[in-house]
Amino acid sequence: MLYAIHCLDHANALSIRLENYDAHREYLNATETDIVLAGPVTADDRSTPIGSVMIISVNSQEEAAHFNQGDPFYRLNIWDKASIRIQPFIKRRGWSEET
């Protein structure tokens, strides 16, 4: 089942985010969780990251939460935990398996 994970950063977290970006990427690259889509949410300037969105394929919302809680951005409190939303996601159109 697909789950969407939407996380917004704490205000003024940009420098901590950038300092820990490599650890975040290493976590995503090393996980056995099937990441269908992932990337930053940006400010209106379309370049400054202010959060993250991920679509993952797991068996339960609890498994999605466990995956998210292992991310360095979560553990280092870069994401505002009150902003995190993990919800079932239905793919209607967009990417394909070949992309």
N, C-alpha and C. Protein backbone atom coordinates (compact mmCIF):
# COMPACT_ATOMS: atom_id res chain seq x y z
N MET A 1 0.84 -1.17 0.00
CA MET A 1 0.00 0.00 0.00
C MET A 1 0.89 1.24 0.00
N LEU A 2 0.46 2.26 -0.72
CA LEU A 2 1.23 3.50 -0.76
C LEU A 2 0.83 4.43 0.37
N TYR A 3 1.83 5.12 0.90
CA TYR A 3 1.61 6.15 1.92
C TYR A 3 2.36 7.41 1.53
N ALA A 4 1.71 8.54 1.72
CA ALA A 4 2.35 9.84 1.52
C ALA A 4 2.80 10.35 2.88
N ILE A 5 4.04 10.80 2.92
CA ILE A 5 4.60 11.39 4.14
C ILE A 5 4.93 12.84 3.81
N HIS A 6 4.33 13.76 4.54
CA HIS A 6 4.54 15.20 4.32
C HIS A 6 5.07 15.80 5.61
N CYS A 7 6.25 16.42 5.53
CA CYS A 7 6.91 16.98 6.71
C CYS A 7 7.35 18.41 6.41
N LEU A 8 7.07 19.33 7.30
CA LEU A 8 7.56 20.70 7.16
C LEU A 8 8.64 20.94 8.20
N ASP A 9 9.66 21.69 7.79
CA ASP A 9 10.77 22.00 8.70
C ASP A 9 10.35 23.01 9.75
N HIS A 10 11.05 22.98 10.89
CA HIS A 10 10.93 24.06 11.85
C HIS A 10 11.43 25.35 11.20
N ALA A 11 10.89 26.46 11.64
CA ALA A 11 11.40 27.75 11.17
C ALA A 11 12.88 27.84 11.51
N ASN A 12 13.65 28.42 10.65
CA ASN A 12 15.09 28.62 10.85
C ASN A 12 15.88 27.31 10.93
N ALA A 13 15.38 26.24 10.31
CA ALA A 13 16.08 24.96 10.34
C ALA A 13 16.95 24.72 9.11
N LEU A 14 17.00 25.69 8.21
CA LEU A 14 17.70 25.48 6.94
C LEU A 14 19.16 25.09 7.13
N SER A 15 19.89 25.78 7.99
CA SER A 15 21.32 25.47 8.14
C SER A 15 21.51 24.06 8.70
N ILE A 16 20.68 23.63 9.64
CA ILE A 16 20.79 22.28 10.20
C ILE A 16 20.42 21.25 9.13
N ARG A 17 19.40 21.57 8.33
CA ARG A 17 19.00 20.68 7.23
C ARG A 17 20.17 20.48 6.27
N LEU A 18 20.78 21.58 5.86
CA LEU A 18 21.87 21.49 4.88
C LEU A 18 23.08 20.75 5.46
N GLU A 19 23.37 20.95 6.74
CA GLU A 19 24.48 20.26 7.39
C GLU A 19 24.26 18.75 7.45
N ASN A 20 23.01 18.33 7.47
CA ASN A 20 22.69 16.91 7.63
C ASN A 20 22.07 16.28 6.39
N TYR A 21 22.13 16.99 5.28
CA TYR A 21 21.54 16.50 4.04
C TYR A 21 22.17 15.18 3.60
N ASP A 22 23.48 15.06 3.69
CA ASP A 22 24.14 13.82 3.27
C ASP A 22 23.68 12.63 4.11
N ALA A 23 23.52 12.81 5.40
CA ALA A 23 23.03 11.73 6.27
C ALA A 23 21.61 11.33 5.89
N HIS A 24 20.78 12.31 5.57
CA HIS A 24 19.40 12.06 5.12
C HIS A 24 19.42 11.24 3.85
N ARG A 25 20.24 11.63 2.87
CA ARG A 25 20.33 10.91 1.59
C ARG A 25 20.88 9.50 1.80
N GLU A 26 21.86 9.36 2.67
CA GLU A 26 22.40 8.03 2.95
C GLU A 26 21.33 7.12 3.54
N TYR A 27 20.50 7.68 4.43
CA TYR A 27 19.40 6.90 5.02
C TYR A 27 18.45 6.44 3.92
N LEU A 28 18.05 7.35 3.05
CA LEU A 28 17.12 6.99 1.98
C LEU A 28 17.73 5.96 1.03
N ASN A 29 19.01 6.10 0.73
CA ASN A 29 19.67 5.17 -0.19
C ASN A 29 19.88 3.79 0.43
N ALA A 30 20.02 3.71 1.74
CA ALA A 30 20.32 2.45 2.41
C ALA A 30 19.08 1.67 2.84
N THR A 31 17.95 2.34 2.93
CA THR A 31 16.76 1.68 3.45
C THR A 31 16.26 0.59 2.51
N GLU A 32 15.64 -0.42 3.08
CA GLU A 32 14.99 -1.45 2.28
C GLU A 32 13.56 -1.07 1.95
N THR A 33 13.07 0.01 2.53
CA THR A 33 11.72 0.51 2.23
C THR A 33 11.67 0.96 0.78
N ASP A 34 10.59 0.61 0.11
CA ASP A 34 10.41 0.98 -1.30
C ASP A 34 9.96 2.45 -1.37
N ILE A 35 10.89 3.32 -1.74
CA ILE A 35 10.58 4.74 -1.91
C ILE A 35 10.18 4.95 -3.35
N VAL A 36 8.93 5.32 -3.56
CA VAL A 36 8.39 5.50 -4.90
C VAL A 36 8.76 6.89 -5.43
N LEU A 37 8.73 7.86 -4.55
CA LEU A 37 8.98 9.25 -4.92
C LEU A 37 9.42 9.99 -3.67
N ALA A 38 10.39 10.87 -3.80
CA ALA A 38 10.83 11.66 -2.65
C ALA A 38 11.48 12.95 -3.13
N GLY A 39 11.29 14.00 -2.36
CA GLY A 39 11.93 15.26 -2.70
C GLY A 39 11.54 16.35 -1.72
N PRO A 40 12.21 17.49 -1.84
CA PRO A 40 11.94 18.59 -0.92
C PRO A 40 10.70 19.39 -1.32
N VAL A 41 10.06 19.92 -0.31
CA VAL A 41 9.04 20.96 -0.48
C VAL A 41 9.81 22.27 -0.41
N THR A 42 9.52 23.21 -1.31
CA THR A 42 10.30 24.44 -1.33
C THR A 42 9.46 25.66 -0.96
N ALA A 43 10.19 26.70 -0.60
CA ALA A 43 9.57 28.00 -0.37
C ALA A 43 9.10 28.55 -1.72
N ASP A 44 8.44 29.68 -1.68
CA ASP A 44 7.92 30.28 -2.91
C ASP A 44 9.01 30.60 -3.93
N ASP A 45 10.27 30.67 -3.49
CA ASP A 45 11.37 30.93 -4.43
C ASP A 45 11.72 29.70 -5.27
N ARG A 46 11.09 28.57 -4.98
CA ARG A 46 11.25 27.30 -5.69
C ARG A 46 12.65 26.69 -5.58
N SER A 47 13.43 27.18 -4.62
CA SER A 47 14.75 26.58 -4.44
C SER A 47 15.10 26.31 -2.97
N THR A 48 14.58 27.08 -2.04
CA THR A 48 14.89 26.90 -0.63
C THR A 48 14.05 25.77 -0.05
N PRO A 49 14.67 24.67 0.40
CA PRO A 49 13.89 23.58 0.97
C PRO A 49 13.29 23.97 2.32
N ILE A 50 12.00 23.63 2.49
CA ILE A 50 11.31 23.92 3.76
C ILE A 50 10.59 22.69 4.30
N GLY A 51 10.84 21.54 3.69
CA GLY A 51 10.19 20.32 4.13
C GLY A 51 10.45 19.20 3.16
N SER A 52 9.73 18.10 3.33
CA SER A 52 9.92 16.92 2.49
C SER A 52 8.59 16.24 2.21
N VAL A 53 8.53 15.60 1.04
CA VAL A 53 7.40 14.74 0.68
C VAL A 53 7.98 13.43 0.18
N MET A 54 7.42 12.34 0.67
CA MET A 54 7.82 11.01 0.21
C MET A 54 6.58 10.17 -0.02
N ILE A 55 6.60 9.38 -1.06
CA ILE A 55 5.60 8.35 -1.29
C ILE A 55 6.33 7.04 -1.15
N ILE A 56 5.88 6.20 -0.23
CA ILE A 56 6.55 4.92 0.01
C ILE A 56 5.53 3.80 -0.08
N SER A 57 6.02 2.60 -0.39
CA SER A 57 5.18 1.42 -0.45
C SER A 57 5.52 0.53 0.73
N VAL A 58 4.59 0.43 1.67
CA VAL A 58 4.76 -0.39 2.88
C VAL A 58 3.43 -1.06 3.20
N ASN A 59 3.43 -1.91 4.20
CA ASN A 59 2.22 -2.66 4.53
C ASN A 59 1.25 -1.95 5.47
N SER A 60 1.73 -0.93 6.20
CA SER A 60 0.86 -0.29 7.18
C SER A 60 1.33 1.14 7.47
N GLN A 61 0.43 1.91 8.06
CA GLN A 61 0.78 3.26 8.46
C GLN A 61 1.85 3.24 9.56
N GLU A 62 1.81 2.23 10.41
CA GLU A 62 2.82 2.09 11.45
C GLU A 62 4.20 1.87 10.84
N GLU A 63 4.27 1.06 9.78
CA GLU A 63 5.54 0.82 9.11
C GLU A 63 6.05 2.12 8.45
N ALA A 64 5.13 2.90 7.89
CA ALA A 64 5.51 4.19 7.30
C ALA A 64 6.05 5.13 8.38
N ALA A 65 5.39 5.15 9.54
CA ALA A 65 5.85 6.00 10.64
C ALA A 65 7.22 5.55 11.13
N HIS A 66 7.43 4.25 11.23
CA HIS A 66 8.73 3.72 11.67
C HIS A 66 9.83 4.14 10.69
N PHE A 67 9.56 4.02 9.40
CA PHE A 67 10.52 4.47 8.39
C PHE A 67 10.84 5.95 8.57
N ASN A 68 9.81 6.76 8.73
CA ASN A 68 10.00 8.20 8.86
C ASN A 68 10.79 8.56 10.12
N GLN A 69 10.52 7.87 11.20
CA GLN A 69 11.20 8.16 12.47
C GLN A 69 12.67 7.76 12.46
N GLY A 70 13.09 6.93 11.51
CA GLY A 70 14.49 6.58 11.38
C GLY A 70 15.30 7.60 10.60
N ASP A 71 14.62 8.52 9.93
CA ASP A 71 15.31 9.51 9.10
C ASP A 71 16.06 10.51 9.99
N PRO A 72 17.30 10.85 9.63
CA PRO A 72 18.05 11.84 10.40
C PRO A 72 17.31 13.18 10.54
N PHE A 73 16.55 13.59 9.54
CA PHE A 73 15.81 14.85 9.66
C PHE A 73 14.77 14.76 10.78
N TYR A 74 14.19 13.60 10.98
CA TYR A 74 13.25 13.40 12.08
C TYR A 74 14.01 13.37 13.41
N ARG A 75 15.05 12.54 13.48
CA ARG A 75 15.79 12.36 14.72
C ARG A 75 16.48 13.63 15.19
N LEU A 76 16.90 14.48 14.25
CA LEU A 76 17.58 15.73 14.59
C LEU A 76 16.61 16.90 14.77
N ASN A 77 15.31 16.59 14.71
CA ASN A 77 14.26 17.59 14.96
C ASN A 77 14.28 18.72 13.92
N ILE A 78 14.68 18.40 12.70
CA ILE A 78 14.62 19.38 11.62
C ILE A 78 13.16 19.55 11.20
N TRP A 79 12.46 18.43 11.08
CA TRP A 79 11.04 18.50 10.76
C TRP A 79 10.26 18.84 12.02
N ASP A 80 9.29 19.72 11.87
CA ASP A 80 8.36 20.03 12.95
C ASP A 80 7.44 18.83 13.09
N LYS A 81 7.62 18.06 14.14
CA LYS A 81 6.87 16.81 14.29
C LYS A 81 5.36 17.03 14.30
N ALA A 82 4.91 18.20 14.75
CA ALA A 82 3.47 18.49 14.72
C ALA A 82 2.95 18.66 13.29
N SER A 83 3.86 18.91 12.35
CA SER A 83 3.45 19.11 10.96
C SER A 83 3.39 17.82 10.16
N ILE A 84 3.96 16.75 10.67
CA ILE A 84 4.09 15.52 9.90
C ILE A 84 2.73 14.85 9.71
N ARG A 85 2.46 14.53 8.44
CA ARG A 85 1.24 13.83 8.08
C ARG A 85 1.63 12.58 7.31
N ILE A 86 1.11 11.44 7.73
CA ILE A 86 1.32 10.18 7.03
C ILE A 86 -0.07 9.63 6.71
N GLN A 87 -0.35 9.55 5.41
CA GLN A 87 -1.70 9.16 5.00
C GLN A 87 -1.64 8.18 3.84
N PRO A 88 -2.64 7.29 3.74
CA PRO A 88 -2.70 6.42 2.58
C PRO A 88 -2.77 7.27 1.30
N PHE A 89 -2.17 6.75 0.24
CA PHE A 89 -2.08 7.48 -1.02
C PHE A 89 -2.54 6.56 -2.15
N ILE A 90 -3.36 7.08 -3.04
CA ILE A 90 -3.82 6.34 -4.20
C ILE A 90 -3.21 6.98 -5.44
N LYS A 91 -2.41 6.25 -6.16
CA LYS A 91 -1.81 6.75 -7.39
C LYS A 91 -2.86 6.67 -8.49
N ARG A 92 -3.17 7.80 -9.08
CA ARG A 92 -4.13 7.84 -10.19
C ARG A 92 -3.42 8.06 -11.51
N ARG A 93 -2.42 8.92 -11.52
CA ARG A 93 -1.64 9.16 -12.72
C ARG A 93 -0.34 9.83 -12.32
N GLY A 94 0.58 9.97 -13.26
CA GLY A 94 1.84 10.60 -12.96
C GLY A 94 3.00 9.75 -13.42
N TRP A 95 3.75 9.23 -12.48
CA TRP A 95 4.93 8.46 -12.83
C TRP A 95 4.53 7.07 -13.31
N SER A 96 5.46 6.41 -13.97
CA SER A 96 5.26 5.01 -14.37
C SER A 96 6.37 4.18 -13.76
N GLU A 97 6.23 2.88 -13.78
CA GLU A 97 7.24 1.99 -13.23
C GLU A 97 8.54 2.10 -14.01
N GLU A 98 8.48 2.46 -15.28
CA GLU A 98 9.67 2.56 -16.10
C GLU A 98 10.47 3.83 -15.84
N THR A 99 9.88 4.83 -15.22
CA THR A 99 10.54 6.11 -15.03
C THR A 99 11.50 6.08 -13.87
